[in-house]
Amino acid sequence: MDRNRRQTRGKIPLISVSPPSGREPPEARSEHLVSKERLPPPMEITDQEFELFRRLLEDEIGIVLKHSEKTLVANRLRERVRELHLSSYFEYYRRITEGATRVSDLSDLADALTTRKTDFFRHLSQMESFRTEMVPRLVAKLRSGESSSINIWSAGCSTGEEPYTLAVLLQETVPFPLWPAFSILATDVSPAAIRTATEASYPRRKLGDVSSDILTRYFEPAAGDGTVKVRQAVRRMIMFREHNLKSGIWAFGQFDVTFCRNVLIYFSKMFQEELIARFYAHLKPGGYLYIGHSETLQNFANPFQFVEPMVYRRPG
């Protein structure tokens, strides 16, 4: 990449990657749940077995399953139960809670019950707002000496499309000499998702209608099957780490900006309140929290200042 190229100041040269509406449809939850796919003959899950998995998922990861999702849970877990040559869902529950592979089995359970639908430049209007309004503020903090580094957190980063998008936007906007001052921590509860993100290879379709200019500068062909790989200069800005938001240990400091989009809606109201308070504590004074189109903090008592839909600020 030409280090002396003029930084892009106009709009991101994209057509549209996702509907830019201000609110996701009511069925937004379902995009993270099981799709109706061809399945083997049914294996019945009892109410008691469903309740065991429902409580386990909420207690360990924070995700709340509705009772109306019982059939979906049975359909998705059935394949895993048969792969392990178990005779019932209860045997699978015991394996997860009592077996030697408890941690990995719990991660497999979370992966089985969630579908990670995400793309590069998802919710383009929000990303454009970050690039044109937030990034100049962060650059000003560096130039004024108020900060010597800028730390951004992508919480619930899934397979990495969001943090890589943020890094591309930064490199499109921030002068090259300041790039080393920016770092992105990207975390997810799923080891499989983090492995995919670290590999940084994606089907070309995940980039939607991204311009050829963006594609050439920040991605390179990875194989003859239409796969592209994020360039090293972009990857260098990001550190991926497994992290469970439900964990009592958040072993990192404060951030200038936190992204946690379309994650809160899967948790109980009590856990949402806990997370909002912890996000606040892990933001620097004056830091910003970005949430998803289907989320709001307005129904919670919290000290955040409302900036605009989906954006909140810690006073200071």
C-alpha atoms as a PDB file:
ATOM      1  CA  MET A   1       0.000   0.000   0.000  1.00  0.00           C
ATOM      2  CA  ASP A   2       1.257   3.462  -0.841  1.00  0.00           C
ATOM      3  CA  ARG A   3       1.932   5.113   2.487  1.00  0.00           C
ATOM      4  CA  ASN A   4       1.824   8.563   0.979  1.00  0.00           C
ATOM      5  CA  ARG A   5      -1.526   8.216  -0.720  1.00  0.00           C
ATOM      6  CA  ARG A   6      -4.065  10.927  -0.001  1.00  0.00           C
ATOM      7  CA  GLN A   7      -6.556   9.817   2.647  1.00  0.00           C
ATOM      8  CA  THR A   8     -10.118   9.288   1.444  1.00  0.00           C
ATOM      9  CA  ARG A   9     -12.443  11.972   2.798  1.00  0.00           C
ATOM     10  CA  GLY A  10     -15.678  11.291   0.923  1.00  0.00           C
ATOM     11  CA  LYS A  11     -18.269   8.667   1.615  1.00  0.00           C
ATOM     12  CA  ILE A  12     -17.310   5.028   1.722  1.00  0.00           C
ATOM     13  CA  PRO A  13     -17.491   3.861  -1.914  1.00  0.00           C
ATOM     14  CA  LEU A  14     -20.121   1.205  -1.287  1.00  0.00           C
ATOM     15  CA  ILE A  15     -23.611   0.733  -2.657  1.00  0.00           C
ATOM     16  CA  SER A  16     -25.271  -0.993   0.269  1.00  0.00           C
ATOM     17  CA  VAL A  17     -24.400  -4.056   2.283  1.00  0.00           C
ATOM     18  CA  SER A  18     -27.425  -4.257   4.557  1.00  0.00           C
ATOM     19  CA  PRO A  19     -30.743  -2.431   4.856  1.00  0.00           C
ATOM     20  CA  PRO A  20     -30.003   0.972   6.429  1.00  0.00           C
ATOM     21  CA  SER A  21     -33.298   1.167   8.293  1.00  0.00           C
ATOM     22  CA  GLY A  22     -33.130   2.558  11.795  1.00  0.00           C
ATOM     23  CA  ARG A  23     -34.607  -0.576  13.328  1.00  0.00           C
ATOM     24  CA  GLU A  24     -34.260  -4.263  12.635  1.00  0.00           C
ATOM     25  CA  PRO A  25     -37.463  -6.245  12.090  1.00  0.00           C
ATOM     26  CA  PRO A  26     -39.139  -7.936  15.093  1.00  0.00           C
ATOM     27  CA  GLU A  27     -37.772 -11.273  13.935  1.00  0.00           C
ATOM     28  CA  ALA A  28     -34.176 -10.021  14.450  1.00  0.00           C
ATOM     29  CA  ARG A  29     -33.648 -12.690  17.115  1.00  0.00           C
ATOM     30  CA  SER A  30     -34.324 -15.433  14.615  1.00  0.00           C
ATOM     31  CA  GLU A  31     -31.310 -14.567  12.455  1.00  0.00           C
ATOM     32  CA  HIS A  32     -29.104 -15.841  15.289  1.00  0.00           C
ATOM     33  CA  LEU A  33     -31.187 -18.955  15.852  1.00  0.00           C
ATOM     34  CA  VAL A  34     -31.661 -22.182  14.004  1.00  0.00           C
ATOM     35  CA  SER A  35     -32.847 -22.093  10.406  1.00  0.00           C
ATOM     36  CA  LYS A  36     -35.364 -24.681   9.293  1.00  0.00           C
ATOM     37  CA  GLU A  37     -33.188 -27.218   7.564  1.00  0.00           C
ATOM     38  CA  ARG A  38     -33.495 -30.851   6.509  1.00  0.00           C
ATOM     39  CA  LEU A  39     -33.161 -32.975   9.611  1.00  0.00           C
ATOM     40  CA  PRO A  40     -33.155 -36.658  10.531  1.00  0.00           C
ATOM     41  CA  PRO A  41     -36.339 -38.197  12.002  1.00  0.00           C
ATOM     42  CA  PRO A  42     -37.274 -36.368  15.219  1.00  0.00           C
ATOM     43  CA  MET A  43     -35.741 -37.234  18.573  1.00  0.00           C
ATOM     44  CA  GLU A  44     -38.120 -35.980  21.235  1.00  0.00           C
ATOM     45  CA  ILE A  45     -36.857 -33.477  23.793  1.00  0.00           C
ATOM     46  CA  THR A  46     -38.808 -33.382  27.026  1.00  0.00           C
ATOM     47  CA  ASP A  47     -39.829 -30.211  28.827  1.00  0.00           C
ATOM     48  CA  GLN A  48     -37.438 -31.126  31.617  1.00  0.00           C
ATOM     49  CA  GLU A  49     -34.511 -31.578  29.209  1.00  0.00           C
ATOM     50  CA  PHE A  50     -35.265 -28.277  27.477  1.00  0.00           C
ATOM     51  CA  GLU A  51     -35.369 -26.516  30.833  1.00  0.00           C
ATOM     52  CA  LEU A  52     -31.957 -27.947  31.735  1.00  0.00           C
ATOM     53  CA  PHE A  53     -30.402 -26.561  28.545  1.00  0.00           C
ATOM     54  CA  ARG A  54     -32.263 -23.265  28.883  1.00  0.00           C
ATOM     55  CA  ARG A  55     -30.927 -22.696  32.396  1.00  0.00           C
ATOM     56  CA  LEU A  56     -27.433 -23.864  31.465  1.00  0.00           C
ATOM     57  CA  LEU A  57     -27.163 -21.467  28.534  1.00  0.00           C
ATOM     58  CA  GLU A  58     -28.447 -18.520  30.562  1.00  0.00           C
ATOM     59  CA  ASP A  59     -26.288 -19.272  33.616  1.00  0.00           C
ATOM     60  CA  GLU A  60     -23.063 -19.896  31.709  1.00  0.00           C
ATOM     61  CA  ILE A  61     -23.298 -17.534  28.712  1.00  0.00           C
ATOM     62  CA  GLY A  62     -26.250 -15.261  29.409  1.00  0.00           C
ATOM     63  CA  ILE A  63     -28.340 -16.166  26.350  1.00  0.00           C
ATOM     64  CA  VAL A  64     -32.042 -16.541  27.090  1.00  0.00           C
ATOM     65  CA  LEU A  65     -34.064 -19.137  25.200  1.00  0.00           C
ATOM     66  CA  LYS A  66     -37.824 -18.747  24.897  1.00  0.00           C
ATOM     67  CA  HIS A  67     -40.043 -21.731  25.566  1.00  0.00           C
ATOM     68  CA  SER A  68     -41.387 -21.307  22.044  1.00  0.00           C
ATOM     69  CA  GLU A  69     -37.888 -22.224  20.784  1.00  0.00           C
ATOM     70  CA  LYS A  70     -38.028 -25.750  22.202  1.00  0.00           C
ATOM     71  CA  THR A  71     -38.451 -27.375  18.768  1.00  0.00           C
ATOM     72  CA  LEU A  72     -35.627 -25.323  17.294  1.00  0.00           C
ATOM     73  CA  VAL A  73     -33.330 -26.352  20.137  1.00  0.00           C
ATOM     74  CA  ALA A  74     -34.211 -30.017  19.642  1.00  0.00           C
ATOM     75  CA  ASN A  75     -33.581 -29.805  15.902  1.00  0.00           C
ATOM     76  CA  ARG A  76     -30.170 -28.231  16.255  1.00  0.00           C
ATOM     77  CA  LEU A  77     -28.934 -30.406  19.137  1.00  0.00           C
ATOM     78  CA  ARG A  78     -30.169 -33.644  17.591  1.00  0.00           C
ATOM     79  CA  GLU A  79     -27.255 -33.865  15.162  1.00  0.00           C
ATOM     80  CA  ARG A  80     -24.704 -33.312  17.946  1.00  0.00           C
ATOM     81  CA  VAL A  81     -26.332 -35.947  20.170  1.00  0.00           C
ATOM     82  CA  ARG A  82     -26.126 -38.506  17.362  1.00  0.00           C
ATOM     83  CA  GLU A  83     -22.547 -37.586  16.463  1.00  0.00           C
ATOM     84  CA  LEU A  84     -21.575 -38.404  20.055  1.00  0.00           C
ATOM     85  CA  HIS A  85     -23.586 -41.688  19.930  1.00  0.00           C
ATOM     86  CA  LEU A  86     -25.717 -40.623  22.871  1.00  0.00           C
ATOM     87  CA  SER A  87     -29.240 -41.906  23.397  1.00  0.00           C
ATOM     88  CA  SER A  88     -30.899 -38.788  24.786  1.00  0.00           C
ATOM     89  CA  TYR A  89     -30.600 -35.047  25.229  1.00  0.00           C
ATOM     90  CA  PHE A  90     -30.151 -35.615  28.949  1.00  0.00           C
ATOM     91  CA  GLU A  91     -26.999 -37.653  28.282  1.00  0.00           C
ATOM     92  CA  TYR A  92     -25.663 -34.722  26.261  1.00  0.00           C
ATOM     93  CA  TYR A  93     -26.502 -32.352  29.119  1.00  0.00           C
ATOM     94  CA  ARG A  94     -24.575 -34.565  31.554  1.00  0.00           C
ATOM     95  CA  ARG A  95     -21.600 -34.678  29.197  1.00  0.00           C
ATOM     96  CA  ILE A  96     -21.517 -30.861  29.069  1.00  0.00           C
ATOM     97  CA  THR A  97     -21.891 -30.367  32.810  1.00  0.00           C
ATOM     98  CA  GLU A  98     -19.901 -33.308  34.158  1.00  0.00           C
ATOM     99  CA  GLY A  99     -17.525 -34.475  31.432  1.00  0.00           C
ATOM    100  CA  ALA A 100     -13.806 -33.881  31.065  1.00  0.00           C
ATOM    101  CA  THR A 101     -14.457 -31.802  27.934  1.00  0.00           C
ATOM    102  CA  ARG A 102     -16.918 -29.487  29.681  1.00  0.00           C
ATOM    103  CA  VAL A 103     -15.479 -26.198  28.404  1.00  0.00           C
ATOM    104  CA  SER A 104     -15.297 -27.214  24.749  1.00  0.00           C
ATOM    105  CA  ASP A 105     -18.712 -28.917  24.930  1.00  0.00           C
ATOM    106  CA  LEU A 106     -20.252 -25.737  26.326  1.00  0.00           C
ATOM    107  CA  SER A 107     -18.761 -23.769  23.438  1.00  0.00           C
ATOM    108  CA  ASP A 108     -20.138 -26.352  20.989  1.00  0.00           C
ATOM    109  CA  LEU A 109     -23.558 -25.928  22.594  1.00  0.00           C
ATOM    110  CA  ALA A 110     -23.456 -22.154  22.145  1.00  0.00           C
ATOM    111  CA  ASP A 111     -22.338 -22.555  18.522  1.00  0.00           C
ATOM    112  CA  ALA A 112     -25.098 -25.059  17.868  1.00  0.00           C
ATOM    113  CA  LEU A 113     -27.818 -22.757  19.174  1.00  0.00           C
ATOM    114  CA  THR A 114     -26.696 -19.546  17.491  1.00  0.00           C
ATOM    115  CA  THR A 115     -26.192 -18.628  13.870  1.00  0.00           C
ATOM    116  CA  ARG A 116     -23.586 -15.908  13.375  1.00  0.00           C
ATOM    117  CA  LYS A 117     -25.037 -13.757  10.640  1.00  0.00           C
ATOM    118  CA  THR A 118     -22.678 -10.874   9.992  1.00  0.00           C
ATOM    119  CA  ASP A 119     -21.053  -9.139   7.048  1.00  0.00           C
ATOM    120  CA  PHE A 120     -18.464  -6.493   6.322  1.00  0.00           C
ATOM    121  CA  PHE A 121     -19.815  -2.921   6.527  1.00  0.00           C
ATOM    122  CA  ARG A 122     -23.034  -4.178   8.101  1.00  0.00           C
ATOM    123  CA  HIS A 123     -25.463  -1.343   8.900  1.00  0.00           C
ATOM    124  CA  LEU A 124     -23.582   1.010   6.651  1.00  0.00           C
ATOM    125  CA  SER A 125     -25.135   4.233   7.962  1.00  0.00           C
ATOM    126  CA  GLN A 126     -23.811   3.518  11.453  1.00  0.00           C
ATOM    127  CA  MET A 127     -20.356   2.722  10.141  1.00  0.00           C
ATOM    128  CA  GLU A 128     -20.344   5.880   8.046  1.00  0.00           C
ATOM    129  CA  SER A 129     -21.288   7.899  11.134  1.00  0.00           C
ATOM    130  CA  PHE A 130     -18.394   6.309  13.028  1.00  0.00           C
ATOM    131  CA  ARG A 131     -15.984   7.197  10.236  1.00  0.00           C
ATOM    132  CA  THR A 132     -17.078  10.789   9.684  1.00  0.00           C
ATOM    133  CA  GLU A 133     -17.977  11.862  13.227  1.00  0.00           C
ATOM    134  CA  MET A 134     -16.160   9.637  15.708  1.00  0.00           C
ATOM    135  CA  VAL A 135     -12.805   9.027  14.050  1.00  0.00           C
ATOM    136  CA  PRO A 136     -11.975  12.778  13.700  1.00  0.00           C
ATOM    137  CA  ARG A 137     -12.617  13.147  17.462  1.00  0.00           C
ATOM    138  CA  LEU A 138     -10.213  10.306  18.189  1.00  0.00           C
ATOM    139  CA  VAL A 139      -7.555  11.795  15.920  1.00  0.00           C
ATOM    140  CA  ALA A 140      -7.976  15.160  17.682  1.00  0.00           C
ATOM    141  CA  LYS A 141      -7.372  13.462  21.052  1.00  0.00           C
ATOM    142  CA  LEU A 142      -4.057  12.144  19.780  1.00  0.00           C
ATOM    143  CA  ARG A 143      -2.937  15.401  18.205  1.00  0.00           C
ATOM    144  CA  SER A 144      -3.813  17.457  21.287  1.00  0.00           C
ATOM    145  CA  GLY A 145      -1.853  15.145  23.547  1.00  0.00           C
ATOM    146  CA  GLU A 146      -4.986  14.220  25.510  1.00  0.00           C
ATOM    147  CA  SER A 147      -4.319  10.567  24.654  1.00  0.00           C
ATOM    148  CA  SER A 148      -1.272   8.692  23.428  1.00  0.00           C
ATOM    149  CA  SER A 149      -3.301   5.708  22.200  1.00  0.00           C
ATOM    150  CA  ILE A 150      -6.843   4.893  21.115  1.00  0.00           C
ATOM    151  CA  ASN A 151      -8.375   1.601  22.220  1.00  0.00           C
ATOM    152  CA  ILE A 152     -11.519   0.170  20.645  1.00  0.00           C
ATOM    153  CA  TRP A 153     -13.407  -2.945  21.759  1.00  0.00           C
ATOM    154  CA  SER A 154     -15.559  -5.077  19.456  1.00  0.00           C
ATOM    155  CA  ALA A 155     -17.508  -7.180  21.986  1.00  0.00           C
ATOM    156  CA  GLY A 156     -19.259 -10.201  20.549  1.00  0.00           C
ATOM    157  CA  CYS A 157     -17.231  -9.867  17.354  1.00  0.00           C
ATOM    158  CA  SER A 158     -18.397 -13.219  15.924  1.00  0.00           C
ATOM    159  CA  THR A 159     -16.194 -14.256  12.984  1.00  0.00           C
ATOM    160  CA  GLY A 160     -14.399 -10.913  12.709  1.00  0.00           C
ATOM    161  CA  GLU A 161     -16.203  -8.927  10.034  1.00  0.00           C
ATOM    162  CA  GLU A 162     -17.003  -6.034  12.396  1.00  0.00           C
ATOM    163  CA  PRO A 163     -13.479  -5.403  13.752  1.00  0.00           C
ATOM    164  CA  TYR A 164     -11.959  -5.748  10.281  1.00  0.00           C
ATOM    165  CA  THR A 165     -14.493  -3.213   8.994  1.00  0.00           C
ATOM    166  CA  LEU A 166     -13.520  -0.819  11.792  1.00  0.00           C
ATOM    167  CA  ALA A 167      -9.840  -1.228  10.949  1.00  0.00           C
ATOM    168  CA  VAL A 168     -10.505  -0.508   7.264  1.00  0.00           C
ATOM    169  CA  LEU A 169     -12.463   2.635   8.183  1.00  0.00           C
ATOM    170  CA  LEU A 170      -9.632   3.795  10.427  1.00  0.00           C
ATOM    171  CA  GLN A 171      -7.026   3.281   7.725  1.00  0.00           C
ATOM    172  CA  GLU A 172      -9.241   5.086   5.225  1.00  0.00           C
ATOM    173  CA  THR A 173      -9.534   8.115   7.520  1.00  0.00           C
ATOM    174  CA  VAL A 174      -6.599   8.324   9.935  1.00  0.00           C
ATOM    175  CA  PRO A 175      -3.279   9.736   8.676  1.00  0.00           C
ATOM    176  CA  PHE A 176      -0.774   6.922   8.240  1.00  0.00           C
ATOM    177  CA  PRO A 177       1.697   8.120  10.947  1.00  0.00           C
ATOM    178  CA  LEU A 178      -1.066   7.746  13.551  1.00  0.00           C
ATOM    179  CA  TRP A 179      -2.068   4.193  12.645  1.00  0.00           C
ATOM    180  CA  PRO A 180       0.128   2.590  15.341  1.00  0.00           C
ATOM    181  CA  ALA A 181      -1.759   4.524  18.027  1.00  0.00           C
ATOM    182  CA  PHE A 182      -4.998   2.659  17.231  1.00  0.00           C
ATOM    183  CA  SER A 183      -5.734  -0.840  18.483  1.00  0.00           C
ATOM    184  CA  ILE A 184      -8.866  -2.982  18.417  1.00  0.00           C
ATOM    185  CA  LEU A 185      -9.634  -5.763  20.887  1.00  0.00           C
ATOM    186  CA  ALA A 186     -12.134  -8.196  19.355  1.00  0.00           C
ATOM    187  CA  THR A 187     -13.730 -10.817  21.612  1.00  0.00           C
ATOM    188  CA  ASP A 188     -16.271 -13.599  21.328  1.00  0.00           C
ATOM    189  CA  VAL A 189     -17.357 -16.520  23.470  1.00  0.00           C
ATOM    190  CA  SER A 190     -16.929 -18.995  20.610  1.00  0.00           C
ATOM    191  CA  PRO A 191     -13.482 -20.506  19.992  1.00  0.00           C
ATOM    192  CA  ALA A 192     -14.610 -21.537  16.505  1.00  0.00           C
ATOM    193  CA  ALA A 193     -15.627 -17.967  15.670  1.00  0.00           C
ATOM    194  CA  ILE A 194     -12.310 -16.608  16.935  1.00  0.00           C
ATOM    195  CA  ARG A 195     -10.399 -19.148  14.834  1.00  0.00           C
ATOM    196  CA  THR A 196     -12.261 -18.025  11.733  1.00  0.00           C
ATOM    197  CA  ALA A 197     -11.595 -14.384  12.557  1.00  0.00           C
ATOM    198  CA  THR A 198      -7.892 -15.022  13.107  1.00  0.00           C
ATOM    199  CA  GLU A 199      -7.579 -16.846   9.788  1.00  0.00           C
ATOM    200  CA  ALA A 200      -9.055 -13.712   8.128  1.00  0.00           C
ATOM    201  CA  SER A 201     -10.248 -15.524   4.987  1.00  0.00           C
ATOM    202  CA  TYR A 202     -13.800 -14.946   3.756  1.00  0.00           C
ATOM    203  CA  PRO A 203     -16.021 -15.706   0.766  1.00  0.00           C
ATOM    204  CA  ARG A 204     -16.101 -12.713  -1.561  1.00  0.00           C
ATOM    205  CA  ARG A 205     -19.880 -12.446  -1.085  1.00  0.00           C
ATOM    206  CA  LYS A 206     -19.340 -11.395   2.563  1.00  0.00           C
ATOM    207  CA  LEU A 207     -18.123  -8.041   1.263  1.00  0.00           C
ATOM    208  CA  GLY A 208     -21.342  -7.344  -0.592  1.00  0.00           C
ATOM    209  CA  ASP A 209     -21.048  -4.445  -3.042  1.00  0.00           C
ATOM    210  CA  VAL A 210     -17.758  -3.097  -1.710  1.00  0.00           C
ATOM    211  CA  SER A 211     -15.918  -1.070  -4.333  1.00  0.00           C
ATOM    212  CA  SER A 212     -12.993  -2.515  -6.253  1.00  0.00           C
ATOM    213  CA  ASP A 213     -10.804   0.216  -4.733  1.00  0.00           C
ATOM    214  CA  ILE A 214     -11.523  -0.908  -1.153  1.00  0.00           C
ATOM    215  CA  LEU A 215     -11.246  -4.558  -2.167  1.00  0.00           C
ATOM    216  CA  THR A 216      -7.824  -4.060  -3.748  1.00  0.00           C
ATOM    217  CA  ARG A 217      -6.334  -1.981  -0.942  1.00  0.00           C
ATOM    218  CA  TYR A 218      -7.450  -4.059   2.023  1.00  0.00           C
ATOM    219  CA  PHE A 219      -7.981  -7.602   0.734  1.00  0.00           C
ATOM    220  CA  GLU A 220      -6.042 -10.069  -1.389  1.00  0.00           C
ATOM    221  CA  PRO A 221      -7.094 -13.230  -3.236  1.00  0.00           C
ATOM    222  CA  ALA A 222      -6.671 -16.230  -0.977  1.00  0.00           C
ATOM    223  CA  ALA A 223      -7.616 -19.090  -3.313  1.00  0.00           C
ATOM    224  CA  GLY A 224      -9.074 -19.793  -6.694  1.00  0.00           C
ATOM    225  CA  ASP A 225     -12.546 -20.333  -5.210  1.00  0.00           C
ATOM    226  CA  GLY A 226     -13.433 -16.671  -4.733  1.00  0.00           C
ATOM    227  CA  THR A 227     -12.070 -16.422  -1.207  1.00  0.00           C
ATOM    228  CA  VAL A 228     -10.346 -13.218  -0.092  1.00  0.00           C
ATOM    229  CA  LYS A 229      -7.991 -12.605   2.816  1.00  0.00           C
ATOM    230  CA  VAL A 230      -7.670  -9.456   4.884  1.00  0.00           C
ATOM    231  CA  ARG A 231      -4.292  -7.833   4.294  1.00  0.00           C
ATOM    232  CA  GLN A 232      -1.694  -7.911   7.039  1.00  0.00           C
ATOM    233  CA  ALA A 233      -1.711  -4.126   7.538  1.00  0.00           C
ATOM    234  CA  VAL A 234      -5.373  -4.329   8.561  1.00  0.00           C
ATOM    235  CA  ARG A 235      -4.942  -7.436  10.695  1.00  0.00           C
ATOM    236  CA  ARG A 236      -2.090  -5.816  12.579  1.00  0.00           C
ATOM    237  CA  MET A 237      -4.525  -3.389  14.243  1.00  0.00           C
ATOM    238  CA  ILE A 238      -6.605  -6.156  15.846  1.00  0.00           C
ATOM    239  CA  MET A 239      -6.113  -8.616  18.683  1.00  0.00           C
ATOM    240  CA  PHE A 240      -8.652 -11.461  18.874  1.00  0.00           C
ATOM    241  CA  ARG A 241      -9.430 -13.137  22.177  1.00  0.00           C
ATOM    242  CA  GLU A 242     -11.971 -15.616  23.528  1.00  0.00           C
ATOM    243  CA  HIS A 243     -14.097 -13.928  26.167  1.00  0.00           C
ATOM    244  CA  ASN A 244     -17.420 -14.748  27.796  1.00  0.00           C
ATOM    245  CA  LEU A 245     -19.357 -11.587  28.689  1.00  0.00           C
ATOM    246  CA  LYS A 246     -20.981 -13.600  31.468  1.00  0.00           C
ATOM    247  CA  SER A 247     -17.569 -14.144  33.052  1.00  0.00           C
ATOM    248  CA  GLY A 248     -16.876 -12.309  36.268  1.00  0.00           C
ATOM    249  CA  ILE A 249     -13.391 -11.491  35.020  1.00  0.00           C
ATOM    250  CA  TRP A 250     -12.885  -8.747  32.436  1.00  0.00           C
ATOM    251  CA  ALA A 251      -9.099  -8.665  32.360  1.00  0.00           C
ATOM    252  CA  PHE A 252      -8.629  -5.501  30.350  1.00  0.00           C
ATOM    253  CA  GLY A 253      -8.699  -1.769  30.970  1.00  0.00           C
ATOM    254  CA  GLN A 254     -10.792   1.070  29.607  1.00  0.00           C
ATOM    255  CA  PHE A 255     -11.677   1.856  26.011  1.00  0.00           C
ATOM    256  CA  ASP A 256     -12.291   4.981  23.994  1.00  0.00           C
ATOM    257  CA  VAL A 257     -15.037   3.257  21.992  1.00  0.00           C
ATOM    258  CA  THR A 258     -16.924   0.001  22.540  1.00  0.00           C
ATOM    259  CA  PHE A 259     -19.019  -1.763  19.916  1.00  0.00           C
ATOM    260  CA  CYS A 260     -21.540  -4.315  21.192  1.00  0.00           C
ATOM    261  CA  ARG A 261     -24.125  -4.560  18.436  1.00  0.00           C
ATOM    262  CA  ASN A 262     -27.098  -6.917  18.400  1.00  0.00           C
ATOM    263  CA  VAL A 263     -25.856  -8.822  21.418  1.00  0.00           C
ATOM    264  CA  LEU A 264     -27.842  -7.374  24.336  1.00  0.00           C
ATOM    265  CA  ILE A 265     -31.160  -8.522  22.867  1.00  0.00           C
ATOM    266  CA  TYR A 266     -30.302 -12.170  23.577  1.00  0.00           C
ATOM    267  CA  PHE A 267     -29.879 -11.636  27.323  1.00  0.00           C
ATOM    268  CA  SER A 268     -32.286 -11.276  30.229  1.00  0.00           C
ATOM    269  CA  LYS A 269     -33.133  -7.764  31.368  1.00  0.00           C
ATOM    270  CA  MET A 270     -31.202  -8.335  34.593  1.00  0.00           C
ATOM    271  CA  PHE A 271     -28.068  -9.365  32.718  1.00  0.00           C
ATOM    272  CA  GLN A 272     -28.502  -6.507  30.245  1.00  0.00           C
ATOM    273  CA  GLU A 273     -28.461  -4.072  33.164  1.00  0.00           C
ATOM    274  CA  GLU A 274     -25.314  -5.721  34.510  1.00  0.00           C
ATOM    275  CA  LEU A 275     -23.599  -5.541  31.132  1.00  0.00           C
ATOM    276  CA  ILE A 276     -24.519  -1.888  30.601  1.00  0.00           C
ATOM    277  CA  ALA A 277     -22.966  -1.018  33.969  1.00  0.00           C
ATOM    278  CA  ARG A 278     -19.809  -2.977  33.136  1.00  0.00           C
ATOM    279  CA  PHE A 279     -19.495  -1.415  29.691  1.00  0.00           C
ATOM    280  CA  TYR A 280     -19.752   1.972  31.398  1.00  0.00           C
ATOM    281  CA  ALA A 281     -16.992   1.072  33.870  1.00  0.00           C
ATOM    282  CA  HIS A 282     -14.730  -0.092  31.028  1.00  0.00           C
ATOM    283  CA  LEU A 283     -15.115   3.098  28.995  1.00  0.00           C
ATOM    284  CA  LYS A 284     -12.834   6.053  29.535  1.00  0.00           C
ATOM    285  CA  PRO A 285     -14.608   9.247  30.610  1.00  0.00           C
ATOM    286  CA  GLY A 286     -15.939  10.716  27.377  1.00  0.00           C
ATOM    287  CA  GLY A 287     -15.932   7.261  25.729  1.00  0.00           C
ATOM    288  CA  TYR A 288     -18.667   5.990  23.420  1.00  0.00           C
ATOM    289  CA  LEU A 289     -20.803   2.844  23.274  1.00  0.00           C
ATOM    290  CA  TYR A 290     -22.294   1.664  19.959  1.00  0.00           C
ATOM    291  CA  ILE A 291     -25.186  -0.807  20.096  1.00  0.00           C
ATOM    292  CA  GLY A 292     -27.381  -2.501  17.480  1.00  0.00           C
ATOM    293  CA  HIS A 293     -30.346  -1.272  15.461  1.00  0.00           C
ATOM    294  CA  SER A 294     -32.782  -3.366  17.505  1.00  0.00           C
ATOM    295  CA  GLU A 295     -31.403  -2.232  20.881  1.00  0.00           C
ATOM    296  CA  THR A 296     -31.759   0.772  23.170  1.00  0.00           C
ATOM    297  CA  LEU A 297     -30.602   1.832  26.636  1.00  0.00           C
ATOM    298  CA  GLN A 298     -33.628   4.063  27.162  1.00  0.00           C
ATOM    299  CA  ASN A 299     -35.477   1.420  29.197  1.00  0.00           C
ATOM    300  CA  PHE A 300     -32.682   1.101  31.746  1.00  0.00           C
ATOM    301  CA  ALA A 301     -31.568   3.372  34.566  1.00  0.00           C
ATOM    302  CA  ASN A 302     -27.984   4.137  33.608  1.00  0.00           C
ATOM    303  CA  PRO A 303     -25.569   7.089  33.599  1.00  0.00           C
ATOM    304  CA  PHE A 304     -24.935   7.064  29.831  1.00  0.00           C
ATOM    305  CA  GLN A 305     -25.736  10.174  27.817  1.00  0.00           C
ATOM    306  CA  PHE A 306     -27.813   9.616  24.683  1.00  0.00           C
ATOM    307  CA  VAL A 307     -25.939  10.884  21.595  1.00  0.00           C
ATOM    308  CA  GLU A 308     -28.039   9.546  18.730  1.00  0.00           C
ATOM    309  CA  PRO A 309     -29.879   6.278  18.034  1.00  0.00           C
ATOM    310  CA  MET A 310     -27.512   3.398  18.833  1.00  0.00           C
ATOM    311  CA  VAL A 311     -24.777   5.664  20.256  1.00  0.00           C
ATOM    312  CA  TYR A 312     -24.247   6.560  23.925  1.00  0.00           C
ATOM    313  CA  ARG A 313     -21.520   8.455  25.769  1.00  0.00           C
ATOM    314  CA  ARG A 314     -19.974   8.168  29.190  1.00  0.00           C
ATOM    315  CA  PRO A 315     -19.852  11.730  30.603  1.00  0.00           C
ATOM    316  CA  GLY A 316     -16.448  13.177  31.319  1.00  0.00           C
END
